[in-house]
PDB file of N, CA and C in Angstrom:
ATOM      1  N   UNK A   1      -2.529  93.735-137.250  1.00  0.00           N
ATOM      2  CA  UNK A   1      -3.880  93.217-137.203  1.00  0.00           C
ATOM      3  C   UNK A   1      -4.525  93.579-135.868  1.00  0.00           C
ATOM      4  N   UNK A   2      -5.808  93.860-135.900  1.00  0.00           N
ATOM      5  CA  UNK A   2      -6.523  94.289-134.702  1.00  0.00           C
ATOM      6  C   UNK A   2      -6.688  93.147-133.702  1.00  0.00           C
ATOM      7  N   UNK A   3      -6.488  93.468-132.451  1.00  0.00           N
ATOM      8  CA  UNK A   3      -6.638  92.522-131.356  1.00  0.00           C
ATOM      9  C   UNK A   3      -8.054  92.668-130.792  1.00  0.00           C
ATOM     10  N   UNK A   4      -8.794  91.541-130.651  1.00  0.00           N
ATOM     11  CA  UNK A   4     -10.152  91.577-130.106  1.00  0.00           C
ATOM     12  C   UNK A   4     -10.232  90.656-128.913  1.00  0.00           C
ATOM     13  N   UNK A   5     -11.059  91.034-127.952  1.00  0.00           N
ATOM     14  CA  UNK A   5     -11.255  90.215-126.759  1.00  0.00           C
ATOM     15  C   UNK A   5     -12.696  89.719-126.720  1.00  0.00           C
ATOM     16  N   UNK A   6     -12.841  88.437-126.378  1.00  0.00           N
ATOM     17  CA  UNK A   6     -14.152  87.800-126.307  1.00  0.00           C
ATOM     18  C   UNK A   6     -14.310  87.063-124.979  1.00  0.00           C
ATOM     19  N   UNK A   7     -15.572  86.834-124.606  1.00  0.00           N
ATOM     20  CA  UNK A   7     -15.899  85.981-123.469  1.00  0.00           C
ATOM     21  C   UNK A   7     -16.691  84.807-124.021  1.00  0.00           C
ATOM     22  N   UNK A   8     -16.338  83.601-123.607  1.00  0.00           N
ATOM     23  CA  UNK A   8     -17.095  82.416-124.021  1.00  0.00           C
ATOM     24  C   UNK A   8     -18.392  82.410-123.212  1.00  0.00           C
ATOM     25  N   UNK A   9     -19.505  82.619-123.876  1.00  0.00           N
ATOM     26  CA  UNK A   9     -20.793  82.695-123.195  1.00  0.00           C
ATOM     27  C   UNK A   9     -21.522  81.357-123.163  1.00  0.00           C
ATOM     28  N   UNK A  10     -21.299  80.528-124.183  1.00  0.00           N
ATOM     29  CA  UNK A  10     -21.978  79.235-124.216  1.00  0.00           C
ATOM     30  C   UNK A  10     -21.175  78.268-125.065  1.00  0.00           C
ATOM     31  N   UNK A  11     -21.070  77.032-124.585  1.00  0.00           N
ATOM     32  CA  UNK A  11     -20.453  75.971-125.366  1.00  0.00           C
ATOM     33  C   UNK A  11     -21.575  75.034-125.764  1.00  0.00           C
ATOM     34  N   UNK A  12     -21.677  74.803-127.078  1.00  0.00           N
ATOM     35  CA  UNK A  12     -22.788  74.025-127.634  1.00  0.00           C
ATOM     36  C   UNK A  12     -22.214  72.967-128.572  1.00  0.00           C
ATOM     37  N   UNK A  13     -21.841  71.821-128.009  1.00  0.00           N
ATOM     38  CA  UNK A  13     -21.270  70.752-128.819  1.00  0.00           C
ATOM     39  C   UNK A  13     -19.947  71.151-129.426  1.00  0.00           C
ATOM     40  N   UNK A  14     -19.899  71.171-130.757  1.00  0.00           N
ATOM     41  CA  UNK A  14     -18.658  71.498-131.478  1.00  0.00           C
ATOM     42  C   UNK A  14     -18.476  72.991-131.703  1.00  0.00           C
ATOM     43  N   UNK A  15     -19.341  73.801-131.118  1.00  0.00           N
ATOM     44  CA  UNK A  15     -19.288  75.250-131.327  1.00  0.00           C
ATOM     45  C   UNK A  15     -19.298  75.990-129.999  1.00  0.00           C
ATOM     46  N   UNK A  16     -18.795  77.230-130.033  1.00  0.00           N
ATOM     47  CA  UNK A  16     -18.836  78.109-128.864  1.00  0.00           C
ATOM     48  C   UNK A  16     -19.398  79.452-129.313  1.00  0.00           C
ATOM     49  N   UNK A  17     -20.192  80.057-128.440  1.00  0.00           N
ATOM     50  CA  UNK A  17     -20.750  81.377-128.697  1.00  0.00           C
ATOM     51  C   UNK A  17     -19.904  82.396-127.938  1.00  0.00           C
ATOM     52  N   UNK A  18     -19.333  83.352-128.675  1.00  0.00           N
ATOM     53  CA  UNK A  18     -18.424  84.333-128.091  1.00  0.00           C
ATOM     54  C   UNK A  18     -19.052  85.719-128.090  1.00  0.00           C
ATOM     55  N   UNK A  19     -18.918  86.412-126.956  1.00  0.00           N
ATOM     56  CA  UNK A  19     -19.398  87.796-126.833  1.00  0.00           C
ATOM     57  C   UNK A  19     -18.221  88.746-126.939  1.00  0.00           C
ATOM     58  N   UNK A  20     -18.367  89.761-127.774  1.00  0.00           N
ATOM     59  CA  UNK A  20     -17.339  90.788-127.951  1.00  0.00           C
ATOM     60  C   UNK A  20     -17.329  91.676-126.694  1.00  0.00           C
ATOM     61  N   UNK A  21     -16.208  91.720-125.997  1.00  0.00           N
ATOM     62  CA  UNK A  21     -16.099  92.483-124.757  1.00  0.00           C
ATOM     63  C   UNK A  21     -16.331  93.982-124.994  1.00  0.00           C
ATOM     64  N   UNK A  22     -15.885  94.490-126.137  1.00  0.00           N
ATOM     65  CA  UNK A  22     -16.012  95.913-126.430  1.00  0.00           C
ATOM     66  C   UNK A  22     -17.366  96.316-126.984  1.00  0.00           C
ATOM     67  N   UNK A  23     -18.191  95.338-127.350  1.00  0.00           N
ATOM     68  CA  UNK A  23     -19.512  95.632-127.905  1.00  0.00           C
ATOM     69  C   UNK A  23     -20.496  94.538-127.477  1.00  0.00           C
ATOM     70  N   UNK A  24     -20.883  94.524-126.191  1.00  0.00           N
ATOM     71  CA  UNK A  24     -21.759  93.454-125.677  1.00  0.00           C
ATOM     72  C   UNK A  24     -23.150  93.439-126.303  1.00  0.00           C
ATOM     73  N   UNK A  25     -23.557  94.513-126.965  1.00  0.00           N
ATOM     74  CA  UNK A  25     -24.874  94.553-127.607  1.00  0.00           C
ATOM     75  C   UNK A  25     -24.863  93.804-128.941  1.00  0.00           C
ATOM     76  N   UNK A  26     -23.690  93.571-129.461  1.00  0.00           N
ATOM     77  CA  UNK A  26     -23.523  92.881-130.741  1.00  0.00           C
ATOM     78  C   UNK A  26     -23.920  91.404-130.589  1.00  0.00           C
ATOM     79  N   UNK A  27     -24.436  90.827-131.651  1.00  0.00           N
ATOM     80  CA  UNK A  27     -24.815  89.413-131.633  1.00  0.00           C
ATOM     81  C   UNK A  27     -23.581  88.552-131.363  1.00  0.00           C
ATOM     82  N   UNK A  28     -23.765  87.463-130.604  1.00  0.00           N
ATOM     83  CA  UNK A  28     -22.645  86.577-130.282  1.00  0.00           C
ATOM     84  C   UNK A  28     -22.090  85.950-131.545  1.00  0.00           C
ATOM     85  N   UNK A  29     -20.802  85.709-131.546  1.00  0.00           N
ATOM     86  CA  UNK A  29     -20.103  85.106-132.675  1.00  0.00           C
ATOM     87  C   UNK A  29     -20.047  83.595-132.459  1.00  0.00           C
ATOM     88  N   UNK A  30     -20.428  82.831-133.463  1.00  0.00           N
ATOM     89  CA  UNK A  30     -20.402  81.377-133.400  1.00  0.00           C
ATOM     90  C   UNK A  30     -19.097  80.883-134.023  1.00  0.00           C
ATOM     91  N   UNK A  31     -18.305  80.147-133.228  1.00  0.00           N
ATOM     92  CA  UNK A  31     -16.978  79.700-133.687  1.00  0.00           C
ATOM     93  C   UNK A  31     -16.837  78.202-133.419  1.00  0.00           C
ATOM     94  N   UNK A  32     -16.295  77.490-134.391  1.00  0.00           N
ATOM     95  CA  UNK A  32     -16.035  76.057-134.218  1.00  0.00           C
ATOM     96  C   UNK A  32     -14.996  75.852-133.114  1.00  0.00           C
ATOM     97  N   UNK A  33     -15.248  74.908-132.239  1.00  0.00           N
ATOM     98  CA  UNK A  33     -14.329  74.662-131.118  1.00  0.00           C
ATOM     99  C   UNK A  33     -12.960  74.196-131.586  1.00  0.00           C
ATOM    100  N   UNK A  34     -12.882  73.633-132.783  1.00  0.00           N
ATOM    101  CA  UNK A  34     -11.588  73.202-133.320  1.00  0.00           C
ATOM    102  C   UNK A  34     -10.645  74.383-133.524  1.00  0.00           C
ATOM    103  N   UNK A  35     -11.188  75.599-133.634  1.00  0.00           N
ATOM    104  CA  UNK A  35     -10.372  76.801-133.818  1.00  0.00           C
ATOM    105  C   UNK A  35      -9.976  77.453-132.496  1.00  0.00           C
ATOM    106  N   UNK A  36     -10.514  76.942-131.397  1.00  0.00           N
ATOM    107  CA  UNK A  36     -10.299  77.543-130.072  1.00  0.00           C
ATOM    108  C   UNK A  36      -9.382  76.671-129.235  1.00  0.00           C
ATOM    109  N   UNK A  37      -8.758  77.255-128.199  1.00  0.00           N
ATOM    110  CA  UNK A  37      -7.936  76.432-127.296  1.00  0.00           C
ATOM    111  C   UNK A  37      -8.788  75.318-126.665  1.00  0.00           C
ATOM    112  N   UNK A  38      -8.209  74.155-126.509  1.00  0.00           N
ATOM    113  CA  UNK A  38      -8.933  72.987-126.003  1.00  0.00           C
ATOM    114  C   UNK A  38      -9.483  73.201-124.588  1.00  0.00           C
ATOM    115  N   UNK A  39      -8.792  74.000-123.782  1.00  0.00           N
ATOM    116  CA  UNK A  39      -9.150  74.150-122.364  1.00  0.00           C
ATOM    117  C   UNK A  39     -10.203  75.222-122.100  1.00  0.00           C
ATOM    118  N   UNK A  40     -10.887  75.736-123.113  1.00  0.00           N
ATOM    119  CA  UNK A  40     -11.888  76.793-122.875  1.00  0.00           C
ATOM    120  C   UNK A  40     -13.027  76.285-121.994  1.00  0.00           C
ATOM    121  N   UNK A  41     -13.679  77.220-121.328  1.00  0.00           N
ATOM    122  CA  UNK A  41     -14.858  76.922-120.504  1.00  0.00           C
ATOM    123  C   UNK A  41     -15.762  78.156-120.552  1.00  0.00           C
ATOM    124  N   UNK A  42     -17.030  77.975-120.218  1.00  0.00           N
ATOM    125  CA  UNK A  42     -17.956  79.107-120.239  1.00  0.00           C
ATOM    126  C   UNK A  42     -17.516  80.151-119.224  1.00  0.00           C
ATOM    127  N   UNK A  43     -17.393  81.383-119.694  1.00  0.00           N
ATOM    128  CA  UNK A  43     -16.964  82.489-118.838  1.00  0.00           C
ATOM    129  C   UNK A  43     -15.497  82.865-119.010  1.00  0.00           C
ATOM    130  N   UNK A  44     -14.715  82.041-119.695  1.00  0.00           N
ATOM    131  CA  UNK A  44     -13.299  82.385-119.863  1.00  0.00           C
ATOM    132  C   UNK A  44     -13.154  83.477-120.929  1.00  0.00           C
ATOM    133  N   UNK A  45     -12.031  84.172-120.884  1.00  0.00           N
ATOM    134  CA  UNK A  45     -11.750  85.268-121.814  1.00  0.00           C
ATOM    135  C   UNK A  45     -10.741  84.804-122.851  1.00  0.00           C
ATOM    136  N   UNK A  46     -11.014  85.186-124.108  1.00  0.00           N
ATOM    137  CA  UNK A  46     -10.143  84.842-125.223  1.00  0.00           C
ATOM    138  C   UNK A  46      -9.683  86.110-125.922  1.00  0.00           C
ATOM    139  N   UNK A  47      -8.528  86.015-126.552  1.00  0.00           N
ATOM    140  CA  UNK A  47      -8.023  87.100-127.389  1.00  0.00           C
ATOM    141  C   UNK A  47      -7.888  86.536-128.800  1.00  0.00           C
ATOM    142  N   UNK A  48      -8.336  87.324-129.776  1.00  0.00           N
ATOM    143  CA  UNK A  48      -8.191  86.945-131.177  1.00  0.00           C
ATOM    144  C   UNK A  48      -7.211  87.917-131.822  1.00  0.00           C
ATOM    145  N   UNK A  49      -6.094  87.367-132.300  1.00  0.00           N
ATOM    146  CA  UNK A  49      -5.067  88.201-132.924  1.00  0.00           C
ATOM    147  C   UNK A  49      -4.293  87.352-133.928  1.00  0.00           C
ATOM    148  N   UNK A  50      -4.032  87.908-135.094  1.00  0.00           N
ATOM    149  CA  UNK A  50      -3.311  87.221-136.155  1.00  0.00           C
ATOM    150  C   UNK A  50      -3.963  85.891-136.515  1.00  0.00           C
ATOM    151  N   UNK A  51      -5.310  85.923-136.626  1.00  0.00           N
ATOM    152  CA  UNK A  51      -6.118  84.767-137.037  1.00  0.00           C
ATOM    153  C   UNK A  51      -5.987  83.575-136.086  1.00  0.00           C
ATOM    154  N   UNK A  52      -5.785  83.858-134.792  1.00  0.00           N
ATOM    155  CA  UNK A  52      -5.615  82.806-133.800  1.00  0.00           C
ATOM    156  C   UNK A  52      -6.249  83.233-132.489  1.00  0.00           C
ATOM    157  N   UNK A  53      -6.938  82.302-131.828  1.00  0.00           N
ATOM    158  CA  UNK A  53      -7.528  82.536-130.520  1.00  0.00           C
ATOM    159  C   UNK A  53      -6.611  82.007-129.442  1.00  0.00           C
ATOM    160  N   UNK A  54      -6.466  82.749-128.355  1.00  0.00           N
ATOM    161  CA  UNK A  54      -5.710  82.277-127.195  1.00  0.00           C
ATOM    162  C   UNK A  54      -6.419  82.736-125.934  1.00  0.00           C
ATOM    163  N   UNK A  55      -6.197  82.005-124.849  1.00  0.00           N
ATOM    164  CA  UNK A  55      -6.834  82.355-123.576  1.00  0.00           C
ATOM    165  C   UNK A  55      -6.069  83.479-122.903  1.00  0.00           C
ATOM    166  N   UNK A  56      -6.829  84.370-122.267  1.00  0.00           N
ATOM    167  CA  UNK A  56      -6.223  85.434-121.471  1.00  0.00           C
ATOM    168  C   UNK A  56      -5.812  84.851-120.131  1.00  0.00           C
ATOM    169  N   UNK A  57      -4.709  85.241-119.639  1.00  0.00           N
ATOM    170  CA  UNK A  57      -4.200  84.760-118.342  1.00  0.00           C
ATOM    171  C   UNK A  57      -4.920  85.450-117.211  1.00  0.00           C
TER     172      UNK A  57
END
């Protein structure tokens, strides 16, 4: 499965807006915070792989 990297650009209540690192011109992806690591913050980097989000170290 393809590995994708995102940056959390905005946290809006129960949702987060994610920017695709490889395609910053693309519209931000809206993802429910329940699917993301609890410790996310605006500006952190996430990796999406095997239907799971994790924070980049």
